[in-house]
Structures are given as structure tokens and as C-alpha cells.
Amino acid sequence: MEKICKICLKEFDAKQSNYQTCGNEDCMYQWKMLTTKKYRQDRSDITNFLNRKSYERNKEARVKHLEEYRKANLKIKCSQQKVHNAIAKGKIKKGMECEICHSVENVVAHHQDYDKPLEVNWLCKKCHNAVHKAVITVMQLATA
């Protein structure tokens, strides 16, 4: 089984090393320095370092996934943009409170039908998430 060294990003045999590194002296030293108690006090340094390495390693897959997501959700993005532009031009007015719980914080637009981009319900983020998770049905939303 092949593993990837967390420092130099080279593949190595998992049986060769029980560590997260390839066994190279420099890699082992850098990994030890990153993970010792002294350096763990500020985990953001380690996290940033590992995230940067992961980003470099997975960049092509992430770009491909993002392109696929954008193609699959083009209608959603266009609807969101049309609402944003209509609010900016004054064609529609942004709701000031949630249509379900009447909260005034974090009110966002919810589309029941993306083919009708300017027909939106104004929901707080909590209710909006509940609608998308099907905790609150569209029927409850319509009767609110």
C-alpha cells in the first residue's frame, strides 16, 4: 500500500515507515518539528502548512469538481444573480423578516422554482436550511 509523505509529497511504501513521512531524514525532522508540543501550541501553522500541501496535491481534482458543480447548478446560480440584480436595480424589495418565524436576522431569498427566479420567499438562514433539509415542507412555507 502506498502512502504520500506529508512533507515532500512523494509516494512511499506504507510498510517502509510507520510515520506520516517517507523516512527521509529531512522529512522526518521537519515532521517532528511541526508536531512537537512546542509547535503544536499554535496549530494554525501546522494546519496551514498541511492544507497548502493538500491543496497543491488535489488542485486538479478540486478544479474539475468545481467545474462540474457549476455546470450542474447553473440554473440556481443564474436565479440567485437575477434576484441580486433586481434588488440592486430596485425592481424587487428585499424582505426584512423571515416569512416563517418572523426573525429579522440573516434574511435570505429562497426559490421554490428556479424557472421563476424573481418569485422568492424571504427566510432567515435557520428556516432556509430547514426547508432545504425538508424539516419544513414547502406546504408549510406556503401557508405561513
Protein backbone atom coordinates (compact mmCIF):
# COMPACT_ATOMS: atom_id res chain seq x y z
CA MET A 1 0.00 0.00 0.00
CA GLU A 2 1.35 3.38 -0.99
CA LYS A 3 1.25 6.43 1.27
CA ILE A 4 2.18 10.02 0.48
CA CYS A 5 4.78 11.81 2.56
CA LYS A 6 3.25 14.80 4.35
CA ILE A 7 6.40 16.86 3.78
CA CYS A 8 7.83 16.11 0.33
CA LEU A 9 4.61 14.65 -1.20
CA LYS A 10 6.46 11.65 -2.62
CA GLU A 11 4.81 8.23 -2.54
CA PHE A 12 6.39 5.60 -0.31
CA ASP A 13 5.65 2.07 0.78
CA ALA A 14 3.50 2.06 3.93
CA LYS A 15 5.44 -0.93 5.27
CA GLN A 16 8.65 1.08 4.99
CA SER A 17 7.63 3.64 7.61
CA ASN A 18 5.07 3.87 10.39
CA TYR A 19 5.25 7.64 10.22
CA GLN A 20 3.48 10.21 8.09
CA THR A 21 6.71 10.79 6.20
CA CYS A 22 8.72 8.77 3.71
CA GLY A 23 11.54 8.04 6.15
CA ASN A 24 13.92 10.57 4.61
CA GLU A 25 15.92 12.19 7.42
CA ASP A 26 14.98 15.75 6.40
CA CYS A 27 11.29 14.91 6.11
CA MET A 28 11.25 13.17 9.47
CA TYR A 29 12.99 16.13 11.11
CA GLN A 30 10.55 18.65 9.60
CA TRP A 31 7.56 16.50 10.63
CA LYS A 32 8.94 16.15 14.16
CA MET A 33 9.45 19.91 14.41
CA LEU A 34 5.88 20.54 13.19
CA THR A 35 4.27 18.11 15.60
CA THR A 36 6.21 18.59 18.84
CA LYS A 37 4.47 20.21 21.80
CA LYS A 38 6.32 23.48 21.32
CA TYR A 39 4.97 23.87 17.77
CA ARG A 40 1.52 22.41 18.48
CA GLN A 41 0.67 25.38 20.69
CA ASP A 42 -0.21 27.29 17.54
CA ARG A 43 -1.93 24.62 15.44
CA SER A 44 -2.74 27.11 12.73
CA ASP A 45 0.84 26.92 11.43
CA ILE A 46 0.66 23.15 11.04
CA THR A 47 -2.85 23.27 9.64
CA ASN A 48 -1.90 25.94 7.13
CA PHE A 49 1.20 24.01 6.11
CA LEU A 50 -0.70 20.72 5.62
CA ASN A 51 -3.63 22.44 3.89
CA ARG A 52 -1.25 24.10 1.45
CA LYS A 53 0.36 20.74 0.67
CA SER A 54 -3.07 19.12 0.29
CA TYR A 55 -4.23 21.99 -1.93
CA GLU A 56 -1.23 21.53 -4.21
CA ARG A 57 -1.74 17.77 -4.32
CA ASN A 58 -5.50 17.91 -5.06
CA LYS A 59 -5.74 21.06 -7.17
CA GLU A 60 -6.72 19.36 -10.45
CA ALA A 61 -9.42 17.24 -8.80
CA ARG A 62 -10.83 20.28 -6.99
CA VAL A 63 -10.94 22.37 -10.18
CA LYS A 64 -12.66 19.52 -12.04
CA HIS A 65 -15.22 19.09 -9.24
CA LEU A 66 -15.91 22.84 -9.15
CA GLU A 67 -16.49 22.95 -12.92
CA GLU A 68 -18.89 20.00 -12.71
CA TYR A 69 -20.73 21.62 -9.80
CA ARG A 70 -21.08 24.91 -11.66
CA LYS A 71 -22.45 23.17 -14.75
CA ALA A 72 -24.92 21.13 -12.68
CA ASN A 73 -26.12 24.18 -10.72
CA LEU A 74 -26.10 26.83 -13.44
CA LYS A 75 -29.84 27.49 -13.15
CA ILE A 76 -29.52 28.03 -9.39
CA LYS A 77 -26.65 30.49 -9.79
CA CYS A 78 -28.48 32.40 -12.53
CA SER A 79 -31.60 32.67 -10.35
CA GLN A 80 -29.57 33.96 -7.42
CA GLN A 81 -27.86 36.52 -9.65
CA LYS A 82 -31.18 37.72 -11.09
CA VAL A 83 -32.55 38.31 -7.57
CA HIS A 84 -29.38 40.17 -6.59
CA ASN A 85 -29.55 42.37 -9.71
CA ALA A 86 -33.29 43.03 -9.24
CA ILE A 87 -32.69 44.18 -5.66
CA ALA A 88 -29.82 46.42 -6.78
CA LYS A 89 -31.98 47.98 -9.53
CA GLY A 90 -34.96 48.38 -7.19
CA LYS A 91 -37.25 46.01 -9.13
CA ILE A 92 -37.92 43.97 -6.00
CA LYS A 93 -37.50 44.81 -2.36
CA LYS A 94 -35.53 42.57 -0.04
CA GLY A 95 -37.67 41.08 2.71
CA MET A 96 -36.92 42.42 6.15
CA GLU A 97 -38.17 39.42 8.14
CA CYS A 98 -38.49 35.66 7.82
CA GLU A 99 -41.85 34.56 6.41
CA ILE A 100 -41.92 31.57 8.79
CA CYS A 101 -40.56 32.64 12.17
CA HIS A 102 -40.57 36.44 11.63
CA SER A 103 -36.91 36.77 12.64
CA VAL A 104 -35.17 39.85 11.27
CA GLU A 105 -31.62 38.43 11.33
CA ASN A 106 -29.86 36.89 8.31
CA VAL A 107 -32.81 37.02 5.91
CA VAL A 108 -32.09 35.39 2.53
CA ALA A 109 -34.08 34.61 -0.61
CA HIS A 110 -35.47 31.11 -1.15
CA HIS A 111 -36.58 29.93 -4.59
CA GLN A 112 -39.31 27.31 -4.75
CA ASP A 113 -38.95 27.19 -8.54
CA TYR A 114 -35.74 28.22 -10.28
CA ASP A 115 -37.67 28.74 -13.53
CA LYS A 116 -39.30 31.74 -11.81
CA PRO A 117 -36.21 33.50 -10.48
CA LEU A 118 -37.92 36.61 -9.12
CA GLU A 119 -40.57 34.71 -7.16
CA VAL A 120 -38.84 34.21 -3.83
CA ASN A 121 -39.71 33.69 -0.20
CA TRP A 122 -37.70 35.59 2.38
CA LEU A 123 -36.40 33.27 5.09
CA CYS A 124 -33.87 33.51 7.90
CA LYS A 125 -30.90 31.21 7.45
CA LYS A 126 -32.20 28.80 10.11
CA CYS A 127 -35.57 28.33 8.36
CA HIS A 128 -33.90 28.33 4.93
CA ASN A 129 -31.67 25.43 5.99
CA ALA A 130 -34.68 23.64 7.49
CA VAL A 131 -36.57 23.97 4.20
CA HIS A 132 -33.64 22.53 2.26
CA LYS A 133 -33.26 19.67 4.75
CA ALA A 134 -37.03 19.00 4.38
CA VAL A 135 -37.70 19.65 8.07
CA ILE A 136 -40.18 22.31 7.00
CA THR A 137 -42.10 21.45 3.86
CA VAL A 138 -42.93 23.80 1.02
CA MET A 139 -46.61 23.49 2.02
CA GLN A 140 -45.85 24.84 5.49
CA LEU A 141 -43.92 27.63 3.83
CA ALA A 142 -46.85 28.45 1.54
CA THR A 143 -49.32 28.64 4.46
CA ALA A 144 -47.02 30.78 6.62
